[in-house]
């Protein structure tokens, strides 16, 4: 599985994901920092990546477009550092691997996880 790490998360996440056996790239290695979330979603879809973000706008984009991909993992915690929640994120990826491969929006916080299959319906 391949992960595209959004600009609002540290590039250090690439190391965490790669150590867990995943391919990972931070958006800063691909494109300009000021591109729209729509452009990032389009790139991820075209290249087979799961978007990994702290931005809630991606869920709104998925809901508005009713698209079946790309999958998105949203981190909804205060502390988004890989040192703090890296193990949790890897656990979530493993737990929801099949969902992510088919198309899903996964929301992660310290107390609960939520998985919604794409396309999102109201």
PDB file of N, CA and C in Angstrom:
ATOM      1  N   UNK A   1       0.846  -1.170   0.000  1.00  0.00           N
ATOM      2  CA  UNK A   1       0.000   0.000   0.000  1.00  0.00           C
ATOM      3  C   UNK A   1       0.894   1.236   0.000  1.00  0.00           C
ATOM      4  N   UNK A   2       0.447   2.268  -0.716  1.00  0.00           N
ATOM      5  CA  UNK A   2       1.220   3.492  -0.867  1.00  0.00           C
ATOM      6  C   UNK A   2       0.478   4.653  -0.194  1.00  0.00           C
ATOM      7  N   UNK A   3       1.241   5.484   0.521  1.00  0.00           N
ATOM      8  CA  UNK A   3       0.652   6.601   1.252  1.00  0.00           C
ATOM      9  C   UNK A   3       1.238   7.923   0.798  1.00  0.00           C
ATOM     10  N   UNK A   4       0.348   8.877   0.571  1.00  0.00           N
ATOM     11  CA  UNK A   4       0.721  10.248   0.266  1.00  0.00           C
ATOM     12  C   UNK A   4       0.464  11.070   1.518  1.00  0.00           C
ATOM     13  N   UNK A   5       1.514  11.606   2.087  1.00  0.00           N
ATOM     14  CA  UNK A   5       1.410  12.363   3.332  1.00  0.00           C
ATOM     15  C   UNK A   5       1.189  13.835   2.981  1.00  0.00           C
ATOM     16  N   UNK A   6       0.115  14.371   3.506  1.00  0.00           N
ATOM     17  CA  UNK A   6      -0.282  15.753   3.234  1.00  0.00           C
ATOM     18  C   UNK A   6       0.699  16.734   3.875  1.00  0.00           C
ATOM     19  N   UNK A   7       0.693  17.963   3.379  1.00  0.00           N
ATOM     20  CA  UNK A   7       1.595  19.006   3.860  1.00  0.00           C
ATOM     21  C   UNK A   7       1.401  19.329   5.335  1.00  0.00           C
ATOM     22  N   UNK A   8       0.219  19.064   5.877  1.00  0.00           N
ATOM     23  CA  UNK A   8      -0.028  19.414   7.273  1.00  0.00           C
ATOM     24  C   UNK A   8       0.527  18.382   8.253  1.00  0.00           C
ATOM     25  N   UNK A   9       1.179  17.353   7.746  1.00  0.00           N
ATOM     26  CA  UNK A   9       1.851  16.363   8.588  1.00  0.00           C
ATOM     27  C   UNK A   9       3.347  16.399   8.300  1.00  0.00           C
ATOM     28  N   UNK A  10       4.110  16.046   9.289  1.00  0.00           N
ATOM     29  CA  UNK A  10       5.562  16.071   9.187  1.00  0.00           C
ATOM     30  C   UNK A  10       6.084  15.064   8.159  1.00  0.00           C
ATOM     31  N   UNK A  11       7.135  15.425   7.432  1.00  0.00           N
ATOM     32  CA  UNK A  11       7.794  14.456   6.555  1.00  0.00           C
ATOM     33  C   UNK A  11       8.358  13.248   7.321  1.00  0.00           C
ATOM     34  N   UNK A  12       8.495  13.369   8.626  1.00  0.00           N
ATOM     35  CA  UNK A  12       8.975  12.238   9.434  1.00  0.00           C
ATOM     36  C   UNK A  12       8.039  11.037   9.343  1.00  0.00           C
ATOM     37  N   UNK A  13       6.786  11.280   8.959  1.00  0.00           N
ATOM     38  CA  UNK A  13       5.837  10.175   8.803  1.00  0.00           C
ATOM     39  C   UNK A  13       6.286   9.196   7.714  1.00  0.00           C
ATOM     40  N   UNK A  14       7.038   9.664   6.730  1.00  0.00           N
ATOM     41  CA  UNK A  14       7.496   8.746   5.687  1.00  0.00           C
ATOM     42  C   UNK A  14       8.331   7.628   6.293  1.00  0.00           C
ATOM     43  N   UNK A  15       9.207   7.957   7.211  1.00  0.00           N
ATOM     44  CA  UNK A  15      10.055   6.954   7.853  1.00  0.00           C
ATOM     45  C   UNK A  15       9.228   5.963   8.651  1.00  0.00           C
ATOM     46  N   UNK A  16       8.243   6.453   9.397  1.00  0.00           N
ATOM     47  CA  UNK A  16       7.385   5.579  10.199  1.00  0.00           C
ATOM     48  C   UNK A  16       6.650   4.585   9.308  1.00  0.00           C
ATOM     49  N   UNK A  17       6.072   5.069   8.235  1.00  0.00           N
ATOM     50  CA  UNK A  17       5.316   4.202   7.324  1.00  0.00           C
ATOM     51  C   UNK A  17       6.231   3.239   6.577  1.00  0.00           C
ATOM     52  N   UNK A  18       7.398   3.709   6.147  1.00  0.00           N
ATOM     53  CA  UNK A  18       8.335   2.837   5.440  1.00  0.00           C
ATOM     54  C   UNK A  18       8.872   1.735   6.348  1.00  0.00           C
ATOM     55  N   UNK A  19       9.147   2.059   7.605  1.00  0.00           N
ATOM     56  CA  UNK A  19       9.608   1.038   8.555  1.00  0.00           C
ATOM     57  C   UNK A  19       8.561  -0.049   8.761  1.00  0.00           C
ATOM     58  N   UNK A  20       7.300   0.311   8.595  1.00  0.00           N
ATOM     59  CA  UNK A  20       6.205  -0.654   8.743  1.00  0.00           C
ATOM     60  C   UNK A  20       5.967  -1.426   7.439  1.00  0.00           C
ATOM     61  N   UNK A  21       6.758  -1.147   6.407  1.00  0.00           N
ATOM     62  CA  UNK A  21       6.658  -1.902   5.173  1.00  0.00           C
ATOM     63  C   UNK A  21       5.806  -1.277   4.083  1.00  0.00           C
ATOM     64  N   UNK A  22       5.456  -0.013   4.238  1.00  0.00           N
ATOM     65  CA  UNK A  22       4.634   0.673   3.254  1.00  0.00           C
ATOM     66  C   UNK A  22       5.478   1.636   2.432  1.00  0.00           C
ATOM     67  N   UNK A  23       5.003   1.946   1.244  1.00  0.00           N
ATOM     68  CA  UNK A  23       5.622   2.997   0.454  1.00  0.00           C
ATOM     69  C   UNK A  23       4.991   4.307   0.914  1.00  0.00           C
ATOM     70  N   UNK A  24       5.811   5.336   1.074  1.00  0.00           N
ATOM     71  CA  UNK A  24       5.279   6.608   1.548  1.00  0.00           C
ATOM     72  C   UNK A  24       6.064   7.758   0.940  1.00  0.00           C
ATOM     73  N   UNK A  25       5.330   8.821   0.600  1.00  0.00           N
ATOM     74  CA  UNK A  25       5.950  10.028   0.074  1.00  0.00           C
ATOM     75  C   UNK A  25       5.211  11.234   0.659  1.00  0.00           C
ATOM     76  N   UNK A  26       5.969  12.237   1.025  1.00  0.00           N
ATOM     77  CA  UNK A  26       5.396  13.483   1.521  1.00  0.00           C
ATOM     78  C   UNK A  26       5.115  14.386   0.325  1.00  0.00           C
ATOM     79  N   UNK A  27       3.988  15.104   0.344  1.00  0.00           N
ATOM     80  CA  UNK A  27       3.610  15.941  -0.789  1.00  0.00           C
ATOM     81  C   UNK A  27       4.727  16.912  -1.169  1.00  0.00           C
ATOM     82  N   UNK A  28       5.517  17.381  -0.221  1.00  0.00           N
ATOM     83  CA  UNK A  28       6.584  18.338  -0.514  1.00  0.00           C
ATOM     84  C   UNK A  28       7.615  17.774  -1.486  1.00  0.00           C
ATOM     85  N   UNK A  29       7.693  16.450  -1.607  1.00  0.00           N
ATOM     86  CA  UNK A  29       8.621  15.822  -2.557  1.00  0.00           C
ATOM     87  C   UNK A  29       8.011  15.704  -3.950  1.00  0.00           C
ATOM     88  N   UNK A  30       6.714  16.028  -4.068  1.00  0.00           N
ATOM     89  CA  UNK A  30       6.003  15.835  -5.327  1.00  0.00           C
ATOM     90  C   UNK A  30       5.603  17.148  -5.971  1.00  0.00           C
ATOM     91  N   UNK A  31       4.999  18.026  -5.151  1.00  0.00           N
ATOM     92  CA  UNK A  31       4.433  19.244  -5.734  1.00  0.00           C
ATOM     93  C   UNK A  31       4.582  20.452  -4.842  1.00  0.00           C
ATOM     94  N   UNK A  32       4.008  21.518  -5.304  1.00  0.00           N
ATOM     95  CA  UNK A  32       4.047  22.787  -4.582  1.00  0.00           C
ATOM     96  C   UNK A  32       3.204  22.711  -3.305  1.00  0.00           C
ATOM     97  N   UNK A  33       3.615  23.441  -2.300  1.00  0.00           N
ATOM     98  CA  UNK A  33       2.926  23.399  -1.005  1.00  0.00           C
ATOM     99  C   UNK A  33       1.570  24.095  -1.033  1.00  0.00           C
ATOM    100  N   UNK A  34       1.343  24.945  -2.027  1.00  0.00           N
ATOM    101  CA  UNK A  34       0.104  25.733  -2.049  1.00  0.00           C
ATOM    102  C   UNK A  34      -0.965  25.167  -2.988  1.00  0.00           C
ATOM    103  N   UNK A  35      -0.823  23.932  -3.459  1.00  0.00           N
ATOM    104  CA  UNK A  35      -1.853  23.372  -4.338  1.00  0.00           C
ATOM    105  C   UNK A  35      -3.109  23.066  -3.529  1.00  0.00           C
ATOM    106  N   UNK A  36      -4.208  22.952  -4.224  1.00  0.00           N
ATOM    107  CA  UNK A  36      -5.477  22.686  -3.546  1.00  0.00           C
ATOM    108  C   UNK A  36      -5.575  21.223  -3.124  1.00  0.00           C
ATOM    109  N   UNK A  37      -6.443  20.989  -2.157  1.00  0.00           N
ATOM    110  CA  UNK A  37      -6.705  19.621  -1.725  1.00  0.00           C
ATOM    111  C   UNK A  37      -7.254  18.784  -2.881  1.00  0.00           C
ATOM    112  N   UNK A  38      -8.029  19.407  -3.749  1.00  0.00           N
ATOM    113  CA  UNK A  38      -8.559  18.701  -4.927  1.00  0.00           C
ATOM    114  C   UNK A  38      -7.428  18.189  -5.820  1.00  0.00           C
ATOM    115  N   UNK A  39      -6.400  19.016  -6.008  1.00  0.00           N
ATOM    116  CA  UNK A  39      -5.266  18.599  -6.834  1.00  0.00           C
ATOM    117  C   UNK A  39      -4.512  17.440  -6.190  1.00  0.00           C
ATOM    118  N   UNK A  40      -4.358  17.496  -4.887  1.00  0.00           N
ATOM    119  CA  UNK A  40      -3.689  16.403  -4.174  1.00  0.00           C
ATOM    120  C   UNK A  40      -4.505  15.121  -4.294  1.00  0.00           C
ATOM    121  N   UNK A  41      -5.812  15.233  -4.143  1.00  0.00           N
ATOM    122  CA  UNK A  41      -6.693  14.059  -4.287  1.00  0.00           C
ATOM    123  C   UNK A  41      -6.596  13.482  -5.697  1.00  0.00           C
ATOM    124  N   UNK A  42      -6.571  14.331  -6.695  1.00  0.00           N
ATOM    125  CA  UNK A  42      -6.474  13.868  -8.073  1.00  0.00           C
ATOM    126  C   UNK A  42      -5.160  13.129  -8.303  1.00  0.00           C
ATOM    127  N   UNK A  43      -4.067  13.670  -7.797  1.00  0.00           N
ATOM    128  CA  UNK A  43      -2.769  13.016  -7.944  1.00  0.00           C
ATOM    129  C   UNK A  43      -2.785  11.661  -7.238  1.00  0.00           C
ATOM    130  N   UNK A  44      -3.304  11.622  -6.010  1.00  0.00           N
ATOM    131  CA  UNK A  44      -3.356  10.362  -5.252  1.00  0.00           C
ATOM    132  C   UNK A  44      -4.189   9.323  -5.995  1.00  0.00           C
ATOM    133  N   UNK A  45      -5.326   9.716  -6.516  1.00  0.00           N
ATOM    134  CA  UNK A  45      -6.199   8.803  -7.261  1.00  0.00           C
ATOM    135  C   UNK A  45      -5.484   8.271  -8.500  1.00  0.00           C
ATOM    136  N   UNK A  46      -4.862   9.152  -9.248  1.00  0.00           N
ATOM    137  CA  UNK A  46      -4.188   8.765 -10.491  1.00  0.00           C
ATOM    138  C   UNK A  46      -2.987   7.859 -10.266  1.00  0.00           C
ATOM    139  N   UNK A  47      -2.383   7.956  -9.097  1.00  0.00           N
ATOM    140  CA  UNK A  47      -1.158   7.216  -8.825  1.00  0.00           C
ATOM    141  C   UNK A  47      -1.319   6.098  -7.800  1.00  0.00           C
ATOM    142  N   UNK A  48      -2.556   5.858  -7.361  1.00  0.00           N
ATOM    143  CA  UNK A  48      -2.828   4.732  -6.473  1.00  0.00           C
ATOM    144  C   UNK A  48      -2.364   4.900  -5.030  1.00  0.00           C
ATOM    145  N   UNK A  49      -2.453   6.114  -4.517  1.00  0.00           N
ATOM    146  CA  UNK A  49      -2.028   6.393  -3.143  1.00  0.00           C
ATOM    147  C   UNK A  49      -3.220   6.614  -2.221  1.00  0.00           C
ATOM    148  N   UNK A  50      -3.041   6.265  -0.965  1.00  0.00           N
ATOM    149  CA  UNK A  50      -3.961   6.621   0.119  1.00  0.00           C
ATOM    150  C   UNK A  50      -3.485   7.963   0.655  1.00  0.00           C
ATOM    151  N   UNK A  51      -4.390   8.912   0.840  1.00  0.00           N
ATOM    152  CA  UNK A  51      -4.028  10.214   1.405  1.00  0.00           C
ATOM    153  C   UNK A  51      -4.030  10.107   2.925  1.00  0.00           C
ATOM    154  N   UNK A  52      -2.952  10.579   3.536  1.00  0.00           N
ATOM    155  CA  UNK A  52      -2.798  10.584   4.993  1.00  0.00           C
ATOM    156  C   UNK A  52      -2.708  12.042   5.412  1.00  0.00           C
ATOM    157  N   UNK A  53      -3.671  12.508   6.230  1.00  0.00           N
ATOM    158  CA  UNK A  53      -3.801  13.942   6.487  1.00  0.00           C
ATOM    159  C   UNK A  53      -4.315  14.258   7.891  1.00  0.00           C
ATOM    160  N   UNK A  54      -4.180  15.516   8.247  1.00  0.00           N
ATOM    161  CA  UNK A  54      -4.771  16.061   9.468  1.00  0.00           C
ATOM    162  C   UNK A  54      -5.867  17.070   9.094  1.00  0.00           C
ATOM    163  N   UNK A  55      -6.192  17.128   7.828  1.00  0.00           N
ATOM    164  CA  UNK A  55      -7.123  18.100   7.261  1.00  0.00           C
ATOM    165  C   UNK A  55      -8.498  17.457   7.074  1.00  0.00           C
ATOM    166  N   UNK A  56      -9.517  18.013   7.684  1.00  0.00           N
ATOM    167  CA  UNK A  56     -10.860  17.460   7.574  1.00  0.00           C
ATOM    168  C   UNK A  56     -11.519  17.755   6.229  1.00  0.00           C
ATOM    169  N   UNK A  57     -10.925  18.638   5.440  1.00  0.00           N
ATOM    170  CA  UNK A  57     -11.498  18.971   4.135  1.00  0.00           C
ATOM    171  C   UNK A  57     -11.563  17.769   3.197  1.00  0.00           C
ATOM    172  N   UNK A  58     -10.666  16.817   3.362  1.00  0.00           N
ATOM    173  CA  UNK A  58     -10.660  15.653   2.468  1.00  0.00           C
ATOM    174  C   UNK A  58     -11.946  14.837   2.609  1.00  0.00           C
ATOM    175  N   UNK A  59     -12.435  14.705   3.821  1.00  0.00           N
ATOM    176  CA  UNK A  59     -13.708  14.016   4.026  1.00  0.00           C
ATOM    177  C   UNK A  59     -14.842  14.752   3.342  1.00  0.00           C
ATOM    178  N   UNK A  60     -14.807  16.066   3.406  1.00  0.00           N
ATOM    179  CA  UNK A  60     -15.832  16.873   2.734  1.00  0.00           C
ATOM    180  C   UNK A  60     -15.746  16.703   1.220  1.00  0.00           C
ATOM    181  N   UNK A  61     -14.541  16.639   0.688  1.00  0.00           N
ATOM    182  CA  UNK A  61     -14.368  16.432  -0.756  1.00  0.00           C
ATOM    183  C   UNK A  61     -14.926  15.071  -1.162  1.00  0.00           C
ATOM    184  N   UNK A  62     -14.620  14.042  -0.374  1.00  0.00           N
ATOM    185  CA  UNK A  62     -15.142  12.705  -0.674  1.00  0.00           C
ATOM    186  C   UNK A  62     -16.669  12.693  -0.643  1.00  0.00           C
ATOM    187  N   UNK A  63     -17.239  13.383   0.337  1.00  0.00           N
ATOM    188  CA  UNK A  63     -18.705  13.425   0.440  1.00  0.00           C
ATOM    189  C   UNK A  63     -19.320  14.179  -0.736  1.00  0.00           C
ATOM    190  N   UNK A  64     -18.713  15.288  -1.105  1.00  0.00           N
ATOM    191  CA  UNK A  64     -19.269  16.108  -2.192  1.00  0.00           C
ATOM    192  C   UNK A  64     -19.143  15.445  -3.560  1.00  0.00           C
ATOM    193  N   UNK A  65     -18.052  14.741  -3.773  1.00  0.00           N
ATOM    194  CA  UNK A  65     -17.812  14.153  -5.091  1.00  0.00           C
ATOM    195  C   UNK A  65     -18.346  12.731  -5.224  1.00  0.00           C
ATOM    196  N   UNK A  66     -18.659  12.102  -4.087  1.00  0.00           N
ATOM    197  CA  UNK A  66     -19.167  10.724  -4.076  1.00  0.00           C
ATOM    198  C   UNK A  66     -18.228   9.768  -4.830  1.00  0.00           C
ATOM    199  N   UNK A  67     -16.945  10.033  -4.773  1.00  0.00           N
ATOM    200  CA  UNK A  67     -15.947   9.214  -5.446  1.00  0.00           C
ATOM    201  C   UNK A  67     -15.628   7.954  -4.635  1.00  0.00           C
ATOM    202  N   UNK A  68     -15.101   6.957  -5.296  1.00  0.00           N
ATOM    203  CA  UNK A  68     -14.755   5.694  -4.643  1.00  0.00           C
ATOM    204  C   UNK A  68     -13.276   5.603  -4.295  1.00  0.00           C
ATOM    205  N   UNK A  69     -12.505   6.600  -4.688  1.00  0.00           N
ATOM    206  CA  UNK A  69     -11.090   6.636  -4.347  1.00  0.00           C
ATOM    207  C   UNK A  69     -10.586   8.061  -4.528  1.00  0.00           C
ATOM    208  N   UNK A  70      -9.494   8.437  -3.916  1.00  0.00           N
ATOM    209  CA  UNK A  70      -8.614   7.588  -3.125  1.00  0.00           C
ATOM    210  C   UNK A  70      -9.113   7.442  -1.698  1.00  0.00           C
ATOM    211  N   UNK A  71      -8.612   6.424  -1.030  1.00  0.00           N
ATOM    212  CA  UNK A  71      -8.879   6.303   0.400  1.00  0.00           C
ATOM    213  C   UNK A  71      -8.166   7.436   1.131  1.00  0.00           C
ATOM    214  N   UNK A  72      -8.709   7.792   2.298  1.00  0.00           N
ATOM    215  CA  UNK A  72      -8.135   8.865   3.109  1.00  0.00           C
ATOM    216  C   UNK A  72      -8.102   8.405   4.559  1.00  0.00           C
ATOM    217  N   UNK A  73      -6.966   8.653   5.213  1.00  0.00           N
ATOM    218  CA  UNK A  73      -6.862   8.494   6.667  1.00  0.00           C
ATOM    219  C   UNK A  73      -6.729   9.889   7.244  1.00  0.00           C
ATOM    220  N   UNK A  74      -7.692  10.253   8.115  1.00  0.00           N
ATOM    221  CA  UNK A  74      -7.678  11.556   8.779  1.00  0.00           C
ATOM    222  C   UNK A  74      -7.262  11.363  10.229  1.00  0.00           C
ATOM    223  N   UNK A  75      -6.246  12.105  10.639  1.00  0.00           N
ATOM    224  CA  UNK A  75      -5.836  12.101  12.038  1.00  0.00           C
ATOM    225  C   UNK A  75      -6.575  13.237  12.720  1.00  0.00           C
ATOM    226  N   UNK A  76      -7.280  12.913  13.797  1.00  0.00           N
ATOM    227  CA  UNK A  76      -8.082  13.916  14.494  1.00  0.00           C
ATOM    228  C   UNK A  76      -7.631  14.055  15.943  1.00  0.00           C
ATOM    229  N   UNK A  77      -6.335  14.014  16.154  1.00  0.00           N
ATOM    230  CA  UNK A  77      -5.782  14.148  17.498  1.00  0.00           C
ATOM    231  C   UNK A  77      -5.100  15.508  17.624  1.00  0.00           C
ATOM    232  N   UNK A  78      -4.905  15.951  18.844  1.00  0.00           N
ATOM    233  CA  UNK A  78      -4.184  17.208  19.075  1.00  0.00           C
ATOM    234  C   UNK A  78      -2.710  17.043  18.719  1.00  0.00           C
ATOM    235  N   UNK A  79      -2.104  15.969  19.215  1.00  0.00           N
ATOM    236  CA  UNK A  79      -0.692  15.707  18.952  1.00  0.00           C
ATOM    237  C   UNK A  79      -0.596  14.792  17.738  1.00  0.00           C
ATOM    238  N   UNK A  80      -0.078  15.315  16.657  1.00  0.00           N
ATOM    239  CA  UNK A  80      -0.012  14.553  15.411  1.00  0.00           C
ATOM    240  C   UNK A  80       1.405  14.066  15.102  1.00  0.00           C
ATOM    241  N   UNK A  81       2.265  14.113  16.097  1.00  0.00           N
ATOM    242  CA  UNK A  81       3.650  13.710  15.857  1.00  0.00           C
ATOM    243  C   UNK A  81       3.761  12.192  15.715  1.00  0.00           C
ATOM    244  N   UNK A  82       4.624  11.740  14.823  1.00  0.00           N
ATOM    245  CA  UNK A  82       4.798  10.303  14.635  1.00  0.00           C
ATOM    246  C   UNK A  82       5.287   9.603  15.908  1.00  0.00           C
ATOM    247  N   UNK A  83       6.058  10.305  16.724  1.00  0.00           N
ATOM    248  CA  UNK A  83       6.554   9.711  17.966  1.00  0.00           C
ATOM    249  C   UNK A  83       5.405   9.366  18.915  1.00  0.00           C
ATOM    250  N   UNK A  84       4.352  10.158  18.890  1.00  0.00           N
ATOM    251  CA  UNK A  84       3.228   9.977  19.805  1.00  0.00           C
ATOM    252  C   UNK A  84       2.197   8.992  19.280  1.00  0.00           C
ATOM    253  N   UNK A  85       1.829   9.103  18.022  1.00  0.00           N
ATOM    254  CA  UNK A  85       0.731   8.272  17.511  1.00  0.00           C
ATOM    255  C   UNK A  85       1.138   7.335  16.367  1.00  0.00           C
ATOM    256  N   UNK A  86       2.429   7.218  16.128  1.00  0.00           N
ATOM    257  CA  UNK A  86       2.900   6.356  15.041  1.00  0.00           C
ATOM    258  C   UNK A  86       2.409   4.927  15.168  1.00  0.00           C
ATOM    259  N   UNK A  87       2.535   4.338  16.357  1.00  0.00           N
ATOM    260  CA  UNK A  87       2.091   2.953  16.564  1.00  0.00           C
ATOM    261  C   UNK A  87       0.584   2.821  16.347  1.00  0.00           C
ATOM    262  N   UNK A  88      -0.177   3.800  16.803  1.00  0.00           N
ATOM    263  CA  UNK A  88      -1.627   3.782  16.610  1.00  0.00           C
ATOM    264  C   UNK A  88      -1.968   3.809  15.117  1.00  0.00           C
ATOM    265  N   UNK A  89      -1.309   4.658  14.372  1.00  0.00           N
ATOM    266  CA  UNK A  89      -1.588   4.777  12.944  1.00  0.00           C
ATOM    267  C   UNK A  89      -1.265   3.469  12.215  1.00  0.00           C
ATOM    268  N   UNK A  90      -0.138   2.880  12.517  1.00  0.00           N
ATOM    269  CA  UNK A  90       0.225   1.600  11.879  1.00  0.00           C
ATOM    270  C   UNK A  90      -0.799   0.530  12.231  1.00  0.00           C
ATOM    271  N   UNK A  91      -1.233   0.504  13.470  1.00  0.00           N
ATOM    272  CA  UNK A  91      -2.254  -0.457  13.894  1.00  0.00           C
ATOM    273  C   UNK A  91      -3.562  -0.251  13.124  1.00  0.00           C
ATOM    274  N   UNK A  92      -3.940   0.995  12.931  1.00  0.00           N
ATOM    275  CA  UNK A  92      -5.170   1.318  12.194  1.00  0.00           C
ATOM    276  C   UNK A  92      -5.043   0.875  10.733  1.00  0.00           C
ATOM    277  N   UNK A  93      -3.902   1.128  10.132  1.00  0.00           N
ATOM    278  CA  UNK A  93      -3.695   0.715   8.743  1.00  0.00           C
ATOM    279  C   UNK A  93      -3.833  -0.800   8.620  1.00  0.00           C
ATOM    280  N   UNK A  94      -3.221  -1.525   9.530  1.00  0.00           N
ATOM    281  CA  UNK A  94      -3.312  -2.989   9.486  1.00  0.00           C
ATOM    282  C   UNK A  94      -4.752  -3.453   9.705  1.00  0.00           C
ATOM    283  N   UNK A  95      -5.423  -2.855  10.674  1.00  0.00           N
ATOM    284  CA  UNK A  95      -6.799  -3.235  10.992  1.00  0.00           C
ATOM    285  C   UNK A  95      -7.751  -2.982   9.825  1.00  0.00           C
ATOM    286  N   UNK A  96      -7.541  -1.887   9.104  1.00  0.00           N
ATOM    287  CA  UNK A  96      -8.446  -1.488   8.036  1.00  0.00           C
ATOM    288  C   UNK A  96      -7.826  -1.633   6.644  1.00  0.00           C
ATOM    289  N   UNK A  97      -6.849  -2.497   6.520  1.00  0.00           N
ATOM    290  CA  UNK A  97      -6.132  -2.689   5.244  1.00  0.00           C
ATOM    291  C   UNK A  97      -7.094  -2.948   4.078  1.00  0.00           C
ATOM    292  N   UNK A  98      -7.997  -3.892   4.254  1.00  0.00           N
ATOM    293  CA  UNK A  98      -8.923  -4.229   3.166  1.00  0.00           C
ATOM    294  C   UNK A  98      -9.829  -3.055   2.810  1.00  0.00           C
ATOM    295  N   UNK A  99     -10.285  -2.332   3.823  1.00  0.00           N
ATOM    296  CA  UNK A  99     -11.125  -1.159   3.575  1.00  0.00           C
ATOM    297  C   UNK A  99     -10.352  -0.124   2.752  1.00  0.00           C
ATOM    298  N   UNK A 100      -9.116   0.116   3.141  1.00  0.00           N
ATOM    299  CA  UNK A 100      -8.304   1.107   2.443  1.00  0.00           C
ATOM    300  C   UNK A 100      -8.036   0.695   1.000  1.00  0.00           C
ATOM    301  N   UNK A 101      -7.852  -0.579   0.764  1.00  0.00           N
ATOM    302  CA  UNK A 101      -7.599  -1.055  -0.591  1.00  0.00           C
ATOM    303  C   UNK A 101      -8.833  -0.928  -1.473  1.00  0.00           C
ATOM    304  N   UNK A 102     -10.015  -1.037  -0.881  1.00  0.00           N
ATOM    305  CA  UNK A 102     -11.267  -0.928  -1.651  1.00  0.00           C
ATOM    306  C   UNK A 102     -11.752   0.508  -1.781  1.00  0.00           C
ATOM    307  N   UNK A 103     -11.414   1.346  -0.827  1.00  0.00           N
ATOM    308  CA  UNK A 103     -11.868   2.736  -0.805  1.00  0.00           C
ATOM    309  C   UNK A 103     -12.576   3.046   0.490  1.00  0.00           C
ATOM    310  N   UNK A 104     -11.952   3.872   1.336  1.00  0.00           N
ATOM    311  CA  UNK A 104     -12.538   4.184   2.638  1.00  0.00           C
ATOM    312  C   UNK A 104     -12.018   5.514   3.158  1.00  0.00           C
ATOM    313  N   UNK A 105     -12.800   6.080   4.057  1.00  0.00           N
ATOM    314  CA  UNK A 105     -12.384   7.232   4.844  1.00  0.00           C
ATOM    315  C   UNK A 105     -12.245   6.725   6.270  1.00  0.00           C
ATOM    316  N   UNK A 106     -11.031   6.777   6.808  1.00  0.00           N
ATOM    317  CA  UNK A 106     -10.757   6.314   8.167  1.00  0.00           C
ATOM    318  C   UNK A 106     -10.417   7.530   9.017  1.00  0.00           C
ATOM    319  N   UNK A 107     -11.163   7.726  10.102  1.00  0.00           N
ATOM    320  CA  UNK A 107     -10.890   8.815  11.046  1.00  0.00           C
ATOM    321  C   UNK A 107     -10.298   8.210  12.306  1.00  0.00           C
ATOM    322  N   UNK A 108      -9.207   8.817  12.788  1.00  0.00           N
ATOM    323  CA  UNK A 108      -8.467   8.278  13.921  1.00  0.00           C
ATOM    324  C   UNK A 108      -8.329   9.337  15.003  1.00  0.00           C
ATOM    325  N   UNK A 109      -8.753   8.998  16.205  1.00  0.00           N
ATOM    326  CA  UNK A 109      -8.376   9.794  17.368  1.00  0.00           C
ATOM    327  C   UNK A 109      -7.988   8.833  18.484  1.00  0.00           C
ATOM    328  N   UNK A 110      -7.605   9.378  19.635  1.00  0.00           N
ATOM    329  CA  UNK A 110      -7.096   8.529  20.704  1.00  0.00           C
ATOM    330  C   UNK A 110      -8.148   7.583  21.270  1.00  0.00           C
ATOM    331  N   UNK A 111      -9.417   7.946  21.158  1.00  0.00           N
ATOM    332  CA  UNK A 111     -10.474   7.184  21.815  1.00  0.00           C
ATOM    333  C   UNK A 111     -11.303   6.324  20.890  1.00  0.00           C
ATOM    334  N   UNK A 112     -11.333   6.659  19.599  1.00  0.00           N
ATOM    335  CA  UNK A 112     -12.174   5.860  18.700  1.00  0.00           C
ATOM    336  C   UNK A 112     -11.648   5.915  17.274  1.00  0.00           C
ATOM    337  N   UNK A 113     -12.086   4.939  16.520  1.00  0.00           N
ATOM    338  CA  UNK A 113     -11.780   4.858  15.103  1.00  0.00           C
ATOM    339  C   UNK A 113     -13.104   4.803  14.365  1.00  0.00           C
ATOM    340  N   UNK A 114     -13.123   5.382  13.188  1.00  0.00           N
ATOM    341  CA  UNK A 114     -14.341   5.316  12.385  1.00  0.00           C
ATOM    342  C   UNK A 114     -13.936   5.031  10.947  1.00  0.00           C
ATOM    343  N   UNK A 115     -14.549   4.014  10.377  1.00  0.00           N
ATOM    344  CA  UNK A 115     -14.286   3.664   8.982  1.00  0.00           C
ATOM    345  C   UNK A 115     -15.574   3.801   8.196  1.00  0.00           C
ATOM    346  N   UNK A 116     -15.510   4.516   7.096  1.00  0.00           N
ATOM    347  CA  UNK A 116     -16.659   4.661   6.203  1.00  0.00           C
ATOM    348  C   UNK A 116     -16.223   4.229   4.814  1.00  0.00           C
ATOM    349  N   UNK A 117     -16.987   3.353   4.214  1.00  0.00           N
ATOM    350  CA  UNK A 117     -16.700   2.848   2.886  1.00  0.00           C
ATOM    351  C   UNK A 117     -17.084   3.898   1.846  1.00  0.00           C
ATOM    352  N   UNK A 118     -16.259   4.023   0.821  1.00  0.00           N
ATOM    353  CA  UNK A 118     -16.545   4.962  -0.264  1.00  0.00           C
ATOM    354  C   UNK A 118     -17.391   4.278  -1.334  1.00  0.00           C
ATOM    355  N   UNK A 119     -18.240   5.001  -2.003  1.00  0.00           N
ATOM    356  CA  UNK A 119     -18.489   6.429  -1.874  1.00  0.00           C
ATOM    357  C   UNK A 119     -19.307   6.738  -0.627  1.00  0.00           C
ATOM    358  N   UNK A 120     -19.080   7.933  -0.093  1.00  0.00           N
ATOM    359  CA  UNK A 120     -19.825   8.358   1.088  1.00  0.00           C
ATOM    360  C   UNK A 120     -21.232   8.753   0.697  1.00  0.00           C
ATOM    361  N   UNK A 121     -22.173   8.319   1.490  1.00  0.00           N
ATOM    362  CA  UNK A 121     -23.569   8.718   1.318  1.00  0.00           C
ATOM    363  C   UNK A 121     -23.971   9.516   2.542  1.00  0.00           C
ATOM    364  N   UNK A 122     -24.812  10.483   2.360  1.00  0.00           N
ATOM    365  CA  UNK A 122     -25.224  11.360   3.473  1.00  0.00           C
ATOM    366  C   UNK A 122     -25.807  10.615   4.614  1.00  0.00           C
TER     367      UNK A 122
END
